Amino acid sequence: MLFDLKEYENKKVHFIGIGGVSMSGLAAILLNNQVKVTGSDFKESKNTEKLKERGAIIFYGHHKENITDQDIVVYTAAIREDNEELKEARAKGIKTYDRAEFLGHLIKNFTNSIAVTGTHGKTSTTSMLSAISLADEKDPTILVGANLPLIGGNYRIGDSDFFITEACEYKASFMQFPGKVALILNVEADHLDYYRDLQHILDTFKEYITVMPKGGTVVANADDPNMDYILQDAEVEVLTFGIHKGRLKAENIQFDEMGRASFDVVLEGILLLPIHLKVPGEFNIYNALGAIGASLSSGISMEGIKKGLEGYEGVDKRFQHLYTKNGIIVLDDYAHHPGEIKNALDTVLKMKHNKIHVVFQSHTYTRTKALFQEFSECFDDMDTLLLLPIFAAREPDTGLVSSEELGDAIRARKTVKTINVKEFDEAARHLKEVAEPGDIILTMGAGESVKVAEALEPLLLD
C-alpha cells in the first residue's frame, strides 16, 4: 500500500496518542496536505497545542465516542489492544495501523528519504542531517525524537521530496519504514524486553537491509564490531565510515578544552573537507561521519555539509548545556544504556574540570536487570554518583531489580562515591553541598533526572 497524500485530501485520519514525538509529526504532515486530522491524548501538551493551531481536533482522554466517521485510525505501540478507541474503530470496520506501519506507507510519498537507526545517536544524527539539508536548501520534512531548536520543535514540514526520520529498532518497528538511505550508527544489546539476545538484534538489522527500496544505500559504522555480520550479504550499495576503518574516515582529530572535535573528512584517501564541531565528544565525530555519508548518498553538496555541520549547536537532552552558575557547569544527557553513558562520560572527562558529579536515573527494570553488570562498571572515573530510583516507563515494579541494588554493586567496586537518593530535591541539596567552582554536574537518563538540575539552579549563587 502507498498512503497517497493526494488521494486522502479532505479525508479524516485519527491518531490515538497524537501528542507523542513521532505521532505529532505524522499528524502535522497530513494537515499540511489538506488531510483532516483528529486525535486523542491523556493530557494537553505543546505538541497538541501546535496541532490544534494547524487545524486538528484534539480530544483529551481515550473514549470510544471519539471514533465517528474517520477513514483511518493510527495508534502508537504503547496503546493496548483493549483501548476503547482502537476497539471501536475495528468494530466500525475502520482501517487501523500502528505508527510504524503507517509511517512506512507515508514515507513512500518521498523519493529521497533518509532513515537513521542504531542503538545510540539517532536523535543527534537526525538533527545533524536536518542542519545539513536545511543549509543546502533541500526544504526537508523532518521527524526527530526530541526538541530541536533549529526547527522549533520535533518536526518540520517541508515542500520537497526530502524526508529525514529516526528509525527506532524497538519491537523491530524500523522494518516497516526503510529509507532510500539507511544510516546504521551502531548495534548493541538493548530492548531485551523484546529481543531474545544480541544475536536476535543482529539478525533483525541484517533483515532490515533486505527490505530497503531498490537502488538504496546503506551507510554503516565500520568501527562497530557487529557491522561485518550485518553487512555481509547486503545487496545494496554500502558506504562505510569510521575513525579506524571505513571508506569515509575522520583523520587528524583534535579536541579543544570543551571537548569539541576538529578533523579532516577523507573519502578513500582523498580529503573532502575539514570540519570543526560545536558539539563535544568522540561519539559526535561518528554521528557527524554518518550524517556526512548519508548526505553524500542523497546528493547534498559539500558546501551544505560543511555549513550545516559547523553551524549545528545540538538538540535538547543530548549533552545539553543547561546553565553555568557559581562557576559550576550543569549539563543534561539522555544516556540510558551503558554504551551511551560511557560515551557521555568520556566526553565530560575531555572538558576542563575539577570534579565531576553525575546524577543517574536508570530507565526500565528490564534494561537495568539485563545490563546490570555493564551499568555497575560505567562510573569508575567520576567523583560523585547520585542514583535516583529506576524510571519505570511502561513497566510495573515486580521487584526484579532496584536502584539500591545497583548502588551496592557500584559501591563494592570502591571507585566512585555513590549515594542513593529518593527525591530530586534531596539530590539537589547534596550537590549544593559538594559542588564547587570549576566542577561539572551531569544529569543523565531518559526519565526525569533533569529535574535535579532544575531544583539545583535556585540553590546556586549567580
Protein backbone atom coordinates (compact mmCIF):
# COMPACT_ATOMS: atom_id res chain seq x y z
CA MET A 1 0.00 0.00 0.00
CA LEU A 2 1.01 3.58 -0.70
CA PHE A 3 -0.73 6.10 1.50
CA ASP A 4 -1.15 8.62 -1.31
CA LEU A 5 -1.45 12.04 0.28
CA LYS A 6 -3.29 13.42 -2.75
CA GLU A 7 -5.95 10.71 -2.56
CA TYR A 8 -6.60 11.44 1.13
CA GLU A 9 -7.17 15.17 0.72
CA ASN A 10 -10.21 16.15 2.85
CA LYS A 11 -10.48 12.62 4.30
CA LYS A 12 -10.16 12.02 8.06
CA VAL A 13 -7.33 10.31 9.95
CA HIS A 14 -7.46 9.81 13.74
CA PHE A 15 -4.33 9.43 15.90
CA ILE A 16 -4.55 7.65 19.26
CA GLY A 17 -1.70 9.18 21.27
CA ILE A 18 -1.40 12.21 18.98
CA GLY A 19 0.82 14.16 21.39
CA GLY A 20 3.73 11.75 21.08
CA VAL A 21 7.01 12.82 19.48
CA SER A 22 6.54 10.83 16.28
CA MET A 23 2.74 10.86 16.12
CA SER A 24 2.53 14.65 16.30
CA GLY A 25 4.91 14.90 13.35
CA LEU A 26 2.89 12.45 11.28
CA ALA A 27 -0.29 14.37 12.06
CA ALA A 28 1.36 17.65 11.01
CA ILE A 29 2.42 16.16 7.66
CA LEU A 30 -1.18 15.18 6.94
CA LEU A 31 -2.54 18.57 7.97
CA ASN A 32 -0.06 20.21 5.61
CA ASN A 33 -1.51 18.10 2.80
CA GLN A 34 -5.15 19.01 3.46
CA VAL A 35 -5.98 15.79 5.29
CA LYS A 36 -8.42 16.30 8.17
CA VAL A 37 -6.92 15.17 11.48
CA THR A 38 -8.46 14.20 14.80
CA GLY A 39 -6.60 12.74 17.72
CA SER A 40 -6.61 11.89 21.39
CA ASP A 41 -4.14 12.00 24.24
CA PHE A 42 -4.21 11.82 28.01
CA LYS A 43 -3.23 15.44 28.54
CA GLU A 44 -2.60 18.74 26.84
CA SER A 45 0.97 19.46 25.67
CA LYS A 46 2.94 21.78 23.44
CA ASN A 47 2.58 19.23 20.66
CA THR A 48 -1.21 19.04 20.92
CA GLU A 49 -1.50 22.84 21.07
CA LYS A 50 0.62 23.23 17.93
CA LEU A 51 -1.59 20.72 16.11
CA LYS A 52 -4.76 22.50 17.22
CA GLU A 53 -3.36 25.72 15.80
CA ARG A 54 -2.86 23.88 12.49
CA GLY A 55 -6.49 22.73 12.47
CA ALA A 56 -6.51 19.36 14.23
CA ILE A 57 -9.39 18.42 16.54
CA ILE A 58 -7.94 17.06 19.79
CA PHE A 59 -9.75 15.03 22.47
CA TYR A 60 -8.28 14.58 25.94
CA GLY A 61 -8.87 11.07 27.23
CA HIS A 62 -9.40 7.92 25.19
CA HIS A 63 -13.12 7.31 24.65
CA LYS A 64 -14.99 5.32 22.02
CA GLU A 65 -17.11 8.41 21.28
CA ASN A 66 -14.01 9.98 19.70
CA ILE A 67 -14.31 7.48 16.84
CA THR A 68 -17.04 8.56 14.42
CA ASP A 69 -16.54 8.74 10.66
CA GLN A 70 -12.75 8.65 10.32
CA ASP A 71 -11.26 6.84 7.33
CA ILE A 72 -8.12 5.62 9.13
CA VAL A 73 -7.03 5.25 12.75
CA VAL A 74 -3.32 5.27 13.67
CA TYR A 75 -2.13 4.19 17.12
CA THR A 76 1.18 4.08 18.98
CA ALA A 77 2.95 0.96 20.21
CA ALA A 78 2.01 1.97 23.77
CA ILE A 79 -1.71 1.58 23.02
CA ARG A 80 -3.15 -1.69 24.34
CA GLU A 81 -5.49 -3.93 22.40
CA ASP A 82 -8.32 -3.17 24.83
CA ASN A 83 -8.13 0.60 24.19
CA GLU A 84 -11.68 1.94 23.77
CA GLU A 85 -10.91 3.88 20.60
CA LEU A 86 -8.99 1.07 18.94
CA LYS A 87 -11.76 -1.42 19.70
CA GLU A 88 -14.43 0.98 18.41
CA ALA A 89 -12.52 1.64 15.17
CA ARG A 90 -12.21 -2.07 14.48
CA ALA A 91 -15.86 -2.65 15.36
CA LYS A 92 -16.81 0.03 12.80
CA GLY A 93 -14.57 -1.54 10.15
CA ILE A 94 -12.21 1.45 10.02
CA LYS A 95 -8.67 0.69 8.80
CA THR A 96 -6.20 0.70 11.70
CA TYR A 97 -2.42 0.97 11.51
CA ASP A 98 0.25 1.11 14.16
CA ARG A 99 2.59 4.11 13.97
CA ALA A 100 5.49 2.29 12.31
CA GLU A 101 3.28 0.68 9.67
CA PHE A 102 1.64 3.99 8.82
CA LEU A 103 4.99 5.79 8.63
CA GLY A 104 6.15 3.05 6.25
CA HIS A 105 3.26 3.83 3.92
CA LEU A 106 3.71 7.58 4.26
CA ILE A 107 7.45 7.58 3.56
CA LYS A 108 6.79 6.23 0.06
CA ASN A 109 5.47 9.67 -0.88
CA PHE A 110 9.07 10.95 -0.62
CA THR A 111 11.56 9.80 -3.25
CA ASN A 112 14.63 10.96 -1.30
CA SER A 113 14.35 9.58 2.24
CA ILE A 114 16.93 9.00 4.98
CA ALA A 115 16.19 6.72 7.95
CA VAL A 116 18.60 6.91 10.89
CA THR A 117 18.87 3.82 13.07
CA GLY A 118 21.18 2.25 15.66
CA THR A 119 21.37 1.72 19.40
CA HIS A 120 22.82 5.18 20.11
CA GLY A 121 22.90 8.58 18.46
CA LYS A 122 19.73 8.53 16.35
CA THR A 123 18.37 11.86 17.55
CA SER A 124 21.69 13.72 17.40
CA THR A 125 22.48 12.41 13.93
CA THR A 126 18.98 13.09 12.61
CA SER A 127 19.42 16.62 13.96
CA MET A 128 22.78 16.97 12.20
CA LEU A 129 21.19 15.80 8.95
CA SER A 130 18.44 18.34 9.48
CA ALA A 131 21.01 21.13 9.81
CA ILE A 132 22.87 19.93 6.71
CA SER A 133 19.79 19.57 4.48
CA LEU A 134 18.48 22.99 5.56
CA ALA A 135 21.86 24.57 4.88
CA ASP A 136 21.76 23.01 1.40
CA GLU A 137 18.23 24.40 0.89
CA LYS A 138 16.64 20.97 0.37
CA ASP A 139 13.46 22.05 2.24
CA PRO A 140 13.15 18.66 4.02
CA THR A 141 10.32 17.16 6.02
CA ILE A 142 11.83 16.06 9.35
CA LEU A 143 10.76 13.79 12.22
CA VAL A 144 13.19 13.89 15.17
CA GLY A 145 12.92 12.34 18.64
CA ALA A 146 13.44 15.49 20.73
CA ASN A 147 13.05 19.24 20.60
CA LEU A 148 15.46 20.57 18.00
CA PRO A 149 15.85 24.35 18.47
CA LEU A 150 16.89 24.71 14.81
CA ILE A 151 13.35 23.77 13.67
CA GLY A 152 11.48 24.93 16.78
CA GLY A 153 10.21 21.50 17.81
CA ASN A 154 10.31 17.81 16.99
CA TYR A 155 9.19 18.03 13.36
CA ARG A 156 9.39 20.23 10.29
CA ILE A 157 7.09 20.19 7.29
CA GLY A 158 8.91 20.75 4.01
CA ASP A 159 7.77 21.06 0.41
CA SER A 160 10.17 18.74 -1.36
CA ASP A 161 10.89 15.03 -1.85
CA PHE A 162 13.38 15.05 1.09
CA PHE A 163 12.30 13.16 4.20
CA ILE A 164 14.53 12.58 7.25
CA THR A 165 13.41 10.42 10.17
CA GLU A 166 14.63 8.34 13.07
CA ALA A 167 14.07 4.61 12.66
CA CYS A 168 13.82 3.00 16.09
CA GLU A 169 14.64 -0.69 16.33
CA TYR A 170 12.37 -1.33 19.33
CA LYS A 171 9.97 -4.21 18.54
CA ALA A 172 11.58 -4.24 15.06
CA SER A 173 9.40 -1.26 14.12
CA PHE A 174 12.05 0.08 11.74
CA MET A 175 11.36 -2.86 9.42
CA GLN A 176 8.20 -1.01 8.39
CA PHE A 177 9.88 2.13 7.04
CA PRO A 178 13.30 1.68 5.43
CA GLY A 179 14.63 4.84 3.82
CA LYS A 180 16.22 5.16 0.41
CA VAL A 181 19.32 5.75 2.52
CA ALA A 182 19.59 3.66 5.69
CA LEU A 183 22.12 5.02 8.19
CA ILE A 184 23.19 2.43 10.80
CA LEU A 185 25.19 4.11 13.56
CA ASN A 186 25.95 1.16 15.86
CA VAL A 187 24.37 -2.04 17.16
CA GLU A 188 24.49 -3.26 20.77
CA ALA A 189 22.33 -5.31 23.10
CA ASP A 190 19.28 -3.26 24.12
CA HIS A 191 15.48 -3.56 24.35
CA LEU A 192 15.92 -7.01 25.82
CA ASP A 193 12.30 -6.97 26.95
CA TYR A 194 11.56 -7.66 23.25
CA TYR A 195 14.72 -9.15 21.73
CA ARG A 196 15.93 -12.55 22.97
CA ASP A 197 19.61 -11.58 22.86
CA LEU A 198 22.21 -9.70 20.82
CA GLN A 199 22.07 -12.27 18.02
CA HIS A 200 18.34 -11.65 17.62
CA ILE A 201 19.10 -7.92 17.28
CA LEU A 202 21.86 -8.52 14.72
CA ASP A 203 19.61 -10.77 12.63
CA THR A 204 16.89 -8.12 12.68
CA PHE A 205 19.27 -5.42 11.46
CA LYS A 206 20.50 -7.78 8.77
CA GLU A 207 16.92 -8.36 7.66
CA TYR A 208 16.29 -4.60 7.72
CA ILE A 209 18.75 -4.17 4.86
CA THR A 210 16.81 -6.68 2.74
CA VAL A 211 13.61 -4.60 2.83
CA MET A 212 15.27 -1.40 1.57
CA PRO A 213 13.92 0.05 -1.68
CA LYS A 214 15.64 -0.75 -4.96
CA GLY A 215 18.64 1.47 -5.58
CA GLY A 216 19.05 2.22 -1.89
CA THR A 217 22.28 2.78 0.05
CA VAL A 218 23.36 1.59 3.48
CA VAL A 219 25.68 3.95 5.35
CA ALA A 220 27.23 1.98 8.21
CA ASN A 221 29.78 2.39 11.01
CA ALA A 222 32.76 0.18 10.08
CA ASP A 223 34.28 0.55 13.57
CA ASP A 224 31.31 -1.24 15.12
CA PRO A 225 32.37 -4.89 15.71
CA ASN A 226 28.90 -6.17 14.76
CA MET A 227 28.68 -4.43 11.41
CA ASP A 228 30.57 -7.03 9.34
CA TYR A 229 27.93 -9.64 10.17
CA ILE A 230 25.06 -7.27 9.37
CA LEU A 231 26.54 -6.21 6.02
CA GLN A 232 27.98 -9.49 4.79
CA ASP A 233 25.09 -10.36 2.43
CA ALA A 234 23.96 -6.82 1.59
CA GLU A 235 22.65 -6.50 -1.97
CA VAL A 236 22.52 -2.71 -1.93
CA GLU A 237 25.29 -0.14 -2.17
CA VAL A 238 27.26 0.22 1.07
CA LEU A 239 29.22 3.24 2.27
CA THR A 240 31.16 2.55 5.46
CA PHE A 241 32.55 5.19 7.81
CA GLY A 242 34.70 5.30 10.92
CA ILE A 243 37.74 6.63 12.70
CA HIS A 244 39.80 3.47 12.40
CA LYS A 245 38.15 1.75 9.43
CA GLY A 246 35.79 2.55 6.59
CA ARG A 247 35.74 4.24 3.20
CA LEU A 248 34.80 7.57 4.81
CA LYS A 249 37.09 8.48 7.71
CA ALA A 250 37.88 11.19 10.22
CA GLU A 251 41.61 11.92 10.36
CA ASN A 252 43.85 14.39 12.23
CA ILE A 253 41.38 14.61 15.13
CA GLN A 254 41.96 17.27 17.79
CA PHE A 255 39.80 18.30 20.78
CA ASP A 256 39.55 21.76 22.34
CA GLU A 257 39.13 22.36 26.11
CA MET A 258 35.35 21.93 25.79
CA GLY A 259 35.76 18.51 24.18
CA ARG A 260 34.76 19.70 20.70
CA ALA A 261 36.48 17.98 17.79
CA SER A 262 38.19 19.28 14.68
CA PHE A 263 39.05 16.73 11.98
CA ASP A 264 39.57 16.12 8.28
CA VAL A 265 36.93 14.17 6.37
CA VAL A 266 38.65 11.75 4.00
CA LEU A 267 36.97 9.51 1.40
CA GLU A 268 39.17 6.61 0.26
CA GLY A 269 42.32 8.64 0.86
CA ILE A 270 41.04 11.87 -0.71
CA LEU A 271 40.48 14.92 1.52
CA LEU A 272 36.91 16.16 1.17
CA LEU A 273 36.78 18.94 3.76
CA PRO A 274 37.88 19.97 7.27
CA ILE A 275 35.19 20.12 9.99
CA HIS A 276 35.07 21.82 13.39
CA LEU A 277 32.09 20.74 15.51
CA LYS A 278 30.32 22.93 18.06
CA VAL A 279 29.12 19.84 19.96
CA PRO A 280 31.58 17.81 22.09
CA GLY A 281 32.63 14.18 22.20
CA GLU A 282 34.16 11.45 20.09
CA PHE A 283 30.69 9.96 19.67
CA ASN A 284 29.68 13.11 17.80
CA ILE A 285 32.53 12.50 15.35
CA TYR A 286 30.84 9.21 14.50
CA ASN A 287 27.44 10.90 14.31
CA ALA A 288 28.89 13.55 12.00
CA LEU A 289 30.55 10.96 9.76
CA GLY A 290 27.27 9.08 9.48
CA ALA A 291 25.46 12.29 8.62
CA ILE A 292 28.11 13.15 6.02
CA GLY A 293 27.86 9.69 4.45
CA ALA A 294 24.06 9.87 4.26
CA SER A 295 24.25 13.39 2.84
CA LEU A 296 26.71 12.37 0.11
CA SER A 297 24.45 9.43 -0.75
CA SER A 298 21.49 11.82 -1.05
CA GLY A 299 23.11 14.35 -3.37
CA ILE A 300 23.78 17.09 -0.82
CA SER A 301 26.66 19.42 -1.67
CA MET A 302 29.95 19.69 0.18
CA GLU A 303 29.13 23.31 0.91
CA GLY A 304 25.84 22.30 2.52
CA ILE A 305 27.53 19.59 4.58
CA LYS A 306 30.20 21.93 5.94
CA LYS A 307 27.83 24.85 6.59
CA GLY A 308 25.23 22.63 8.27
CA LEU A 309 27.61 20.64 10.48
CA GLU A 310 29.71 23.61 11.58
CA GLY A 311 26.57 25.57 12.41
CA TYR A 312 24.89 22.73 14.32
CA GLU A 313 24.58 23.58 18.02
CA GLY A 314 22.87 20.48 19.37
CA VAL A 315 19.47 19.13 20.36
CA ASP A 316 17.71 19.05 23.70
CA LYS A 317 18.86 16.41 26.21
CA ARG A 318 21.85 15.33 24.13
CA PHE A 319 24.85 16.55 26.14
CA GLN A 320 22.93 19.79 26.55
CA HIS A 321 24.43 22.72 28.47
CA LEU A 322 21.67 23.81 30.86
CA TYR A 323 23.42 26.63 32.72
CA THR A 324 26.59 27.75 34.45
CA LYS A 325 26.23 29.26 37.94
CA ASN A 326 28.86 29.99 40.58
CA GLY A 327 31.46 28.61 38.16
CA ILE A 328 29.69 25.23 38.08
CA ILE A 329 28.74 23.85 34.66
CA VAL A 330 25.46 21.87 34.62
CA LEU A 331 24.78 19.51 31.71
CA ASP A 332 21.99 17.08 30.83
CA ASP A 333 22.15 13.97 28.68
CA TYR A 334 19.65 11.33 27.54
CA ALA A 335 22.11 8.44 28.02
CA HIS A 336 20.35 5.40 29.47
CA HIS A 337 22.37 2.50 28.01
CA PRO A 338 25.89 1.59 29.19
CA GLY A 339 27.37 2.41 25.79
CA GLU A 340 25.77 5.84 25.78
CA ILE A 341 26.82 6.50 29.36
CA LYS A 342 30.45 5.69 28.60
CA ASN A 343 30.38 7.99 25.56
CA ALA A 344 28.96 10.85 27.64
CA LEU A 345 31.43 10.35 30.49
CA ASP A 346 34.39 10.08 28.12
CA THR A 347 33.26 13.41 26.69
CA VAL A 348 32.95 15.19 30.04
CA LEU A 349 36.40 13.91 31.01
CA LYS A 350 37.81 15.71 27.96
CA MET A 351 36.39 19.01 29.22
CA LYS A 352 38.31 21.28 31.55
CA HIS A 353 37.10 20.46 35.07
CA ASN A 354 37.97 19.99 38.73
CA LYS A 355 35.49 17.34 39.83
CA ILE A 356 32.61 15.61 38.03
CA HIS A 357 29.33 14.84 39.77
CA VAL A 358 26.82 12.60 38.00
CA VAL A 359 23.11 12.11 38.68
CA PHE A 360 21.80 8.95 37.02
CA GLN A 361 18.31 7.52 36.72
CA SER A 362 18.23 4.08 35.14
CA HIS A 363 15.45 3.54 32.59
CA THR A 364 13.16 0.47 32.97
CA TYR A 365 13.61 -2.51 35.23
CA THR A 366 14.22 -4.97 32.39
CA ARG A 367 17.09 -2.94 30.92
CA THR A 368 18.65 -2.41 34.36
CA LYS A 369 18.48 -6.12 35.12
CA ALA A 370 19.69 -7.31 31.71
CA LEU A 371 22.67 -4.91 31.65
CA PHE A 372 23.28 -4.77 35.41
CA GLN A 373 26.99 -5.63 35.29
CA GLU A 374 27.64 -3.13 32.47
CA PHE A 375 25.84 -0.37 34.38
CA SER A 376 27.87 -1.06 37.52
CA GLU A 377 31.14 -0.57 35.61
CA CYS A 378 30.29 2.73 33.88
CA PHE A 379 31.08 5.32 36.55
CA ASP A 380 34.58 4.42 37.79
CA ASP A 381 36.22 7.70 36.74
CA MET A 382 33.61 10.02 38.31
CA ASP A 383 33.97 11.82 41.65
CA THR A 384 30.37 11.56 42.85
CA LEU A 385 27.41 9.47 41.66
CA LEU A 386 23.84 10.05 42.83
CA LEU A 387 21.41 7.28 41.90
CA LEU A 388 17.70 8.06 41.61
CA PRO A 389 15.02 5.35 41.77
CA ILE A 390 14.59 3.48 38.49
CA PHE A 391 12.29 5.17 35.97
CA ALA A 392 9.63 2.56 35.25
CA ALA A 393 8.31 3.98 31.93
CA ARG A 394 5.96 1.30 30.57
CA GLU A 395 6.84 -1.36 33.17
CA PRO A 396 5.35 -2.35 36.56
CA ASP A 397 7.68 -2.76 39.55
CA THR A 398 7.73 -6.50 40.19
CA GLY A 399 10.83 -6.43 42.40
CA LEU A 400 13.07 -7.52 39.53
CA VAL A 401 15.83 -5.05 40.45
CA SER A 402 16.25 -1.77 42.31
CA SER A 403 18.41 1.32 42.26
CA GLU A 404 19.67 0.35 45.73
CA GLU A 405 20.98 -2.96 44.36
CA LEU A 406 22.77 -1.12 41.57
CA GLY A 407 24.22 1.30 44.13
CA ASP A 408 25.52 -1.58 46.24
CA ALA A 409 27.22 -3.14 43.20
CA ILE A 410 28.91 0.16 42.32
CA ARG A 411 29.97 0.82 45.93
CA ALA A 412 31.53 -2.65 46.03
CA ARG A 413 33.93 -1.54 43.27
CA LYS A 414 35.25 1.24 45.59
CA THR A 415 35.86 3.58 42.66
CA VAL A 416 33.28 6.39 42.96
CA LYS A 417 31.42 7.82 45.95
CA THR A 418 27.89 6.52 45.30
CA ILE A 419 24.76 7.69 47.10
CA ASN A 420 21.19 6.51 46.57
CA VAL A 421 18.65 9.32 46.79
CA LYS A 422 14.86 9.12 46.77
CA GLU A 423 13.85 12.61 45.65
CA PHE A 424 15.03 15.24 43.17
CA ASP A 425 15.23 17.88 45.89
CA GLU A 426 17.38 15.59 48.04
CA ALA A 427 19.83 15.15 45.18
CA ALA A 428 19.89 18.91 44.55
CA ARG A 429 20.64 19.68 48.20
CA HIS A 430 23.50 17.18 48.21
CA LEU A 431 25.00 18.70 45.05
CA LYS A 432 24.72 22.15 46.59
CA GLU A 433 26.96 20.94 49.44
CA VAL A 434 29.63 19.17 47.40
CA ALA A 435 29.91 21.12 44.11
CA GLU A 436 32.49 23.91 43.87
CA PRO A 437 33.53 26.39 41.16
CA GLY A 438 35.25 24.55 38.32
CA ASP A 439 33.16 21.41 38.81
CA ILE A 440 30.82 19.84 36.26
CA ILE A 441 27.42 18.33 37.13
CA LEU A 442 25.84 15.93 34.63
CA THR A 443 22.25 14.73 34.99
CA MET A 444 21.72 11.61 32.94
CA GLY A 445 18.88 9.33 31.88
CA ALA A 446 15.81 9.01 29.65
CA GLY A 447 13.43 9.71 32.53
CA GLU A 448 13.25 12.71 34.84
CA SER A 449 16.82 13.16 36.10
CA VAL A 450 16.91 16.68 34.66
CA LYS A 451 14.53 17.71 37.46
CA VAL A 452 17.53 17.59 39.79
CA ALA A 453 19.23 20.28 37.71
CA GLU A 454 16.03 22.33 37.78
CA ALA A 455 15.82 22.03 41.57
CA LEU A 456 19.53 22.87 41.96
CA GLU A 457 19.57 26.08 39.90
CA PRO A 458 17.96 28.37 42.51
CA LEU A 459 20.29 26.95 45.19
CA LEU A 460 23.43 28.07 43.36
CA LEU A 461 24.78 31.62 43.52
CA ASP A 462 25.00 33.56 40.25
